Every structure is written in C-alpha cells, then in structure tokens.
Amino acid sequence: MKKSIYKITKMDCPSEEQLIRMKLNGIEQIQHLSFDIPNRKLEIFHLGDTEPITAKIDSLNFDSALLETKISEENFQFSDDSQQRKLLWQVLVINAFFFVLEMITGFVSNSMGLVADSLDMLADSVVYSFALFAVGGAVARKNGIAKISGYFQLTLAILGFVEVLRRFLGFTEVPAFQTMILISLLALIGNAISLYLLQKSKSNEAHMQASMIFTSNDVIVNLSVIVAGVLVYFTNSKIPDLVIGVFVFILVGKGAFRILKLSK
C-alpha cells in the first residue's frame, strides 16, 4: 500500500471535495481518500503508480501538486456507503431549500445579490446530487447529467449578468435591505450546518472543525450579501446589490466550468 499526498490549493469547501471524489471514482487502485480541507491537502492510499491519479486531479485545474509518495503501514476504515448517502442527502436538502428560498425572496425584494446567491446554492446542490450517483456505483449516467447541468448553470450565470446590466442601465427600485440581510443570515446558518454535518462524519479527521467554515466560498458569499444589504441601507442605492450580484455570478460561472470538467 502506498500513500500519496497532494497539495490542492483551490480546494476550500466540501463541494470541491465531492468534485475530486467523483473525478477519482473508478480508479481501481485507489483504496481510500483522506481530505484535509483547511490545509488544502489530500492523502490517497493506493496500489500501483500515481500517474493516472495525478492526471485526473490535474484535469480539474485546482492548482494541485504531488508532494510525496511513500509506503504506508497505516490502518484505516472504508467509508460506509449508506452513511455517506444519508449525509449527502442531508446537505443536498439544505442547499436545495435555500436555493428556492433565496430565488423567491430575491425577486420579491428586487435583490440580484440574493438571486445570485441562490444560484450558488444550486451549484452545490448539483455537486451533491452527482456525489449521490457516485456513492451507489451508478456512475454511467454521471457524465451526461454533469454536462447538461453544467451548461444549464452557465446559462443561468450569463442571464444573471444580462439582468444586472439591464438593472444598472435602467430604472429599478432599491432592493429591500431587510430581506437581503435576514435571508443571507439564514443561508449562512444553513451553510454552517452543512459543513458541520460533512465534517462530523470524519472521525479520523477531527482537526477539521469549525475553522474551515470561514474558508468556504459559500460563507464568503453570504457575508458579502449581508454587507451589500447594509450598504444599500446607508446609501439608499441599488449599486452595492448589483456589484455583489456580479461577484457571485462570476463564482457561479466558474462552478459551471468545474462541473463541465466532470463530463470529460
């Protein structure tokens, strides 16, 4: 048994972990994966050479590098599929719920920041859905679904940019800052719960605790929408909301390209 340690600079939240898991799914020599998200590292216990593993990881463009490979005498437990499915369903439901909530309240309150954040939640929901396919071994359909969902998400991001531009050039009402702040706070709690659940199951990685929450893109987005809501209140202007909308739509677009990589 060998242990290869990878540094993955752009792996900063559980959704990237799931993308990596799915990308490596099907490589028979891999026996176990151990993720250390706060330190951006991945330990892979495997048989044979590292070349096919490294090629798969590099194809995601997460700024990865193989640090070392050595003979391993460590004991580890394989993950329980039923437990992993239950966990993924929990975080999927949380993200899907907040996607619907933020999408509806975003349009009602006239906030592009909330609409964009809802699409970010949708991106995570798509990733966790793909992971559920991988857990049970029904991977044959994954590539086609990834391609369709990736293009769908990219289309939504482009439409979001167009809507931001239309609102910037035309007359629109100032968004309701109260709704922006309240819903973003609820989404922040939802993301914190998701991250807690994902880390709670990894008893062999107890060092991955609440500190990783603050490294997540989702949390940064939630906080950014809250800040935008405060700025809307003080300036009585729609500009802060539109600026944060553009920022989040960029993240959504990048997420779409990452999902599309899974179909290759």
Protein backbone atom coordinates (compact mmCIF):
# COMPACT_ATOMS: atom_id res chain seq x y z
CA MET A 1 0.00 0.00 0.00
CA LYS A 2 1.26 3.48 -0.90
CA LYS A 3 0.22 6.88 0.43
CA SER A 4 0.43 9.86 -1.92
CA ILE A 5 -0.05 13.34 -0.51
CA TYR A 6 -1.34 16.11 -2.77
CA LYS A 7 -1.47 19.85 -2.18
CA ILE A 8 -4.68 21.22 -3.75
CA THR A 9 -4.65 24.98 -3.38
CA LYS A 10 -8.16 25.66 -4.69
CA MET A 11 -9.88 23.00 -2.57
CA ASP A 12 -11.57 25.22 0.02
CA CYS A 13 -15.00 23.70 0.69
CA PRO A 14 -16.86 20.35 0.66
CA SER A 15 -18.24 20.87 -2.85
CA GLU A 16 -14.68 20.77 -4.25
CA GLU A 17 -14.08 17.63 -2.20
CA GLN A 18 -17.07 15.97 -3.87
CA LEU A 19 -15.84 17.02 -7.32
CA ILE A 20 -12.48 15.38 -6.60
CA ARG A 21 -14.13 12.23 -5.25
CA MET A 22 -16.23 11.90 -8.39
CA LYS A 23 -13.27 12.56 -10.67
CA LEU A 24 -11.27 9.79 -8.98
CA ASN A 25 -14.20 7.39 -8.89
CA GLY A 26 -13.49 4.29 -10.94
CA ILE A 27 -9.70 4.21 -10.45
CA GLU A 28 -9.40 0.69 -9.08
CA GLN A 29 -6.02 1.09 -7.38
CA ILE A 30 -7.37 3.75 -5.01
CA GLN A 31 -8.23 2.21 -1.64
CA HIS A 32 -9.05 5.26 0.48
CA LEU A 33 -9.20 9.08 0.33
CA SER A 34 -8.49 11.34 3.31
CA PHE A 35 -9.27 15.04 2.84
CA ASP A 36 -7.78 17.89 4.90
CA ILE A 37 -9.69 20.91 3.58
CA PRO A 38 -8.29 23.58 5.97
CA ASN A 39 -4.73 22.70 4.93
CA ARG A 40 -5.71 22.07 1.28
CA LYS A 41 -4.25 18.53 1.31
CA LEU A 42 -5.44 15.13 0.12
CA GLU A 43 -3.97 11.79 1.18
CA ILE A 44 -4.62 8.91 -1.21
CA PHE A 45 -3.98 5.31 -0.18
CA HIS A 46 -3.48 3.29 -3.32
CA LEU A 47 -1.77 0.48 -5.17
CA GLY A 48 0.35 0.93 -8.29
CA ASP A 49 1.62 4.16 -9.84
CA THR A 50 0.43 7.71 -9.21
CA GLU A 51 0.33 8.83 -12.87
CA PRO A 52 -3.39 8.10 -13.58
CA ILE A 53 -4.39 9.59 -10.22
CA THR A 54 -2.35 12.75 -10.75
CA ALA A 55 -3.72 13.18 -14.28
CA LYS A 56 -7.32 13.05 -13.01
CA ILE A 57 -6.68 15.56 -10.23
CA ASP A 58 -4.76 17.94 -12.52
CA SER A 59 -7.63 17.92 -15.04
CA LEU A 60 -9.79 19.80 -12.52
CA ASN A 61 -7.38 22.76 -12.55
CA PHE A 62 -7.47 23.14 -8.76
CA ASP A 63 -3.77 24.15 -8.69
CA SER A 64 -2.66 20.73 -7.45
CA ALA A 65 0.78 19.25 -6.84
CA LEU A 66 2.01 15.84 -5.70
CA LEU A 67 4.08 16.42 -2.55
CA GLU A 68 5.27 12.89 -1.83
CA THR A 69 4.55 9.18 -2.22
CA LYS A 70 5.65 6.66 0.39
CA ILE A 71 4.93 3.16 1.60
CA SER A 72 2.08 3.21 4.10
CA GLU A 73 1.50 0.96 7.08
CA GLU A 74 -1.46 2.93 8.40
CA ASN A 75 -4.77 1.31 9.23
CA PHE A 76 -7.96 2.98 8.07
CA GLN A 77 -11.61 2.18 7.70
CA PHE A 78 -13.52 2.27 4.46
CA SER A 79 -16.49 4.62 4.46
CA ASP A 80 -19.96 3.18 4.86
CA ASP A 81 -21.98 3.79 1.68
CA SER A 82 -25.33 4.02 3.46
CA GLN A 83 -23.97 6.57 5.92
CA GLN A 84 -22.42 8.60 3.11
CA ARG A 85 -25.70 8.61 1.17
CA LYS A 86 -27.58 9.81 4.25
CA LEU A 87 -25.06 12.59 4.79
CA LEU A 88 -25.17 13.74 1.16
CA TRP A 89 -28.98 13.74 1.18
CA GLN A 90 -28.95 15.98 4.26
CA VAL A 91 -26.68 18.62 2.75
CA LEU A 92 -28.47 18.34 -0.60
CA VAL A 93 -31.85 19.10 1.02
CA ILE A 94 -30.37 22.08 2.93
CA ASN A 95 -28.82 23.60 -0.21
CA ALA A 96 -31.90 22.93 -2.36
CA PHE A 97 -34.17 24.54 0.26
CA PHE A 98 -32.08 27.71 0.40
CA PHE A 99 -31.85 27.82 -3.41
CA VAL A 100 -35.65 28.03 -3.62
CA LEU A 101 -35.94 30.42 -0.66
CA GLU A 102 -33.29 32.86 -1.94
CA MET A 103 -34.56 32.73 -5.52
CA ILE A 104 -38.12 33.65 -4.46
CA THR A 105 -37.14 36.29 -1.90
CA GLY A 106 -34.52 37.70 -4.28
CA PHE A 107 -37.13 38.51 -6.92
CA VAL A 108 -39.68 39.69 -4.34
CA SER A 109 -37.16 42.03 -2.68
CA ASN A 110 -35.63 43.11 -6.02
CA SER A 111 -32.17 41.87 -4.90
CA MET A 112 -29.78 40.44 -7.50
CA GLY A 113 -27.42 39.53 -4.67
CA LEU A 114 -29.94 37.05 -3.27
CA VAL A 115 -30.77 35.71 -6.74
CA ALA A 116 -27.07 35.16 -7.43
CA ASP A 117 -26.55 33.52 -4.03
CA SER A 118 -29.45 31.17 -4.77
CA LEU A 119 -27.65 30.02 -7.92
CA ASP A 120 -24.53 29.39 -5.83
CA MET A 121 -26.69 27.16 -3.62
CA LEU A 122 -27.96 25.45 -6.78
CA ALA A 123 -24.37 24.75 -7.83
CA ASP A 124 -23.69 22.96 -4.55
CA SER A 125 -26.95 21.02 -4.87
CA VAL A 126 -25.86 19.80 -8.30
CA VAL A 127 -22.48 18.68 -6.95
CA TYR A 128 -24.03 16.75 -4.07
CA SER A 129 -26.53 15.17 -6.49
CA PHE A 130 -23.64 13.92 -8.62
CA ALA A 131 -21.95 12.56 -5.50
CA LEU A 132 -25.07 10.51 -4.70
CA PHE A 133 -24.82 8.85 -8.12
CA ALA A 134 -21.17 8.01 -7.44
CA VAL A 135 -21.76 6.53 -3.98
CA GLY A 136 -24.11 3.81 -5.16
CA GLY A 137 -21.97 2.90 -8.14
CA ALA A 138 -24.48 4.19 -10.71
CA VAL A 139 -21.81 6.29 -12.40
CA ALA A 140 -22.61 5.58 -16.04
CA ARG A 141 -25.17 8.40 -16.18
CA LYS A 142 -22.96 10.89 -14.35
CA ASN A 143 -21.15 12.37 -17.36
CA GLY A 144 -24.31 13.15 -19.31
CA ILE A 145 -26.02 14.70 -16.29
CA ALA A 146 -22.89 16.71 -15.46
CA LYS A 147 -22.75 18.13 -18.97
CA ILE A 148 -26.43 19.13 -19.03
CA SER A 149 -26.32 20.63 -15.54
CA GLY A 150 -23.07 22.46 -16.23
CA TYR A 151 -24.44 24.15 -19.34
CA PHE A 152 -27.70 24.93 -17.51
CA GLN A 153 -25.81 26.58 -14.66
CA LEU A 154 -23.60 28.51 -17.10
CA THR A 155 -26.72 29.75 -18.92
CA LEU A 156 -28.18 30.98 -15.63
CA ALA A 157 -24.95 32.84 -14.85
CA ILE A 158 -24.99 34.55 -18.26
CA LEU A 159 -28.65 35.51 -17.88
CA GLY A 160 -27.76 36.87 -14.44
CA PHE A 161 -25.07 39.11 -15.93
CA VAL A 162 -27.55 40.37 -18.54
CA GLU A 163 -30.13 41.15 -15.84
CA VAL A 164 -27.53 43.01 -13.74
CA LEU A 165 -26.59 45.08 -16.79
CA ARG A 166 -30.27 45.83 -17.54
CA ARG A 167 -30.89 46.95 -13.99
CA PHE A 168 -27.74 49.06 -13.93
CA LEU A 169 -28.71 50.91 -17.11
CA GLY A 170 -32.46 51.13 -16.47
CA PHE A 171 -34.76 52.23 -13.69
CA THR A 172 -35.27 49.71 -10.92
CA GLU A 173 -36.27 50.06 -7.32
CA VAL A 174 -33.74 49.94 -4.50
CA PRO A 175 -33.74 46.38 -3.09
CA ALA A 176 -35.22 45.67 0.34
CA PHE A 177 -32.14 45.58 2.54
CA GLN A 178 -34.02 43.95 5.44
CA THR A 179 -34.82 40.89 3.31
CA MET A 180 -31.27 40.74 1.95
CA ILE A 181 -29.76 40.66 5.43
CA LEU A 182 -32.30 38.29 7.02
CA ILE A 183 -32.28 35.67 4.25
CA SER A 184 -28.48 35.79 3.94
CA LEU A 185 -28.17 35.21 7.69
CA LEU A 186 -30.43 32.15 7.39
CA ALA A 187 -28.38 30.90 4.41
CA LEU A 188 -25.20 31.42 6.43
CA ILE A 189 -26.64 29.20 9.17
CA GLY A 190 -27.62 26.62 6.55
CA ASN A 191 -24.09 26.53 5.14
CA ALA A 192 -22.64 26.21 8.63
CA ILE A 193 -24.92 23.23 9.33
CA SER A 194 -23.94 21.59 6.03
CA LEU A 195 -20.25 21.99 6.74
CA TYR A 196 -20.69 20.70 10.30
CA LEU A 197 -22.51 17.59 9.07
CA LEU A 198 -19.87 16.88 6.43
CA GLN A 199 -17.06 17.12 8.95
CA LYS A 200 -18.84 15.35 11.81
CA SER A 201 -18.73 12.05 9.93
CA LYS A 202 -14.93 12.10 9.58
CA SER A 203 -13.80 10.86 12.96
CA ASN A 204 -10.30 10.21 11.63
CA GLU A 205 -10.01 13.90 10.69
CA ALA A 206 -11.03 15.55 13.95
CA HIS A 207 -8.82 18.57 13.27
CA MET A 208 -11.25 19.69 10.56
CA GLN A 209 -13.56 21.71 12.78
CA ALA A 210 -15.49 24.96 12.62
CA SER A 211 -12.48 26.98 11.43
CA MET A 212 -12.92 25.60 7.93
CA ILE A 213 -16.35 27.23 7.73
CA PHE A 214 -14.73 30.61 7.27
CA THR A 215 -12.66 29.36 4.32
CA SER A 216 -15.76 28.35 2.34
CA ASN A 217 -16.78 30.34 -0.71
CA ASP A 218 -20.41 29.92 0.31
CA VAL A 219 -19.85 31.66 3.62
CA ILE A 220 -17.94 34.47 1.90
CA VAL A 221 -20.88 34.93 -0.47
CA ASN A 222 -23.40 35.04 2.39
CA LEU A 223 -21.36 37.62 4.27
CA SER A 224 -20.92 39.67 1.09
CA VAL A 225 -24.68 39.85 0.53
CA ILE A 226 -25.14 40.93 4.15
CA VAL A 227 -22.55 43.68 3.68
CA ALA A 228 -24.28 44.73 0.45
CA GLY A 229 -27.58 44.93 2.34
CA VAL A 230 -26.01 47.22 4.93
CA LEU A 231 -24.55 49.43 2.18
CA VAL A 232 -27.95 49.60 0.47
CA TYR A 233 -29.40 50.85 3.76
CA PHE A 234 -26.79 53.58 4.24
CA THR A 235 -26.57 54.70 0.59
CA ASN A 236 -30.18 54.08 -0.48
CA SER A 237 -28.67 52.83 -3.76
CA LYS A 238 -29.03 49.65 -5.82
CA ILE A 239 -25.31 49.69 -6.79
CA PRO A 240 -23.98 47.60 -3.84
CA ASP A 241 -26.53 44.88 -4.61
CA LEU A 242 -25.63 44.83 -8.31
CA VAL A 243 -21.90 44.71 -7.56
CA ILE A 244 -22.29 41.70 -5.26
CA GLY A 245 -24.55 40.11 -7.88
CA VAL A 246 -21.77 40.33 -10.47
CA PHE A 247 -19.27 38.88 -7.97
CA VAL A 248 -21.46 35.87 -7.18
CA PHE A 249 -22.41 35.26 -10.82
CA ILE A 250 -18.67 35.00 -11.56
CA LEU A 251 -18.38 32.31 -8.88
CA VAL A 252 -21.42 30.51 -10.32
CA GLY A 253 -19.88 30.62 -13.80
CA LYS A 254 -16.61 29.19 -12.50
CA GLY A 255 -18.57 26.45 -10.74
CA ALA A 256 -20.30 25.60 -14.01
CA PHE A 257 -16.96 25.10 -15.77
CA ARG A 258 -15.80 22.84 -12.92
CA ILE A 259 -18.92 20.70 -13.29
CA LEU A 260 -18.40 20.51 -17.05
CA LYS A 261 -14.93 19.07 -16.44
CA LEU A 262 -16.57 16.03 -14.86
CA SER A 263 -18.20 15.15 -18.18
CA LYS A 264 -14.86 14.85 -19.97
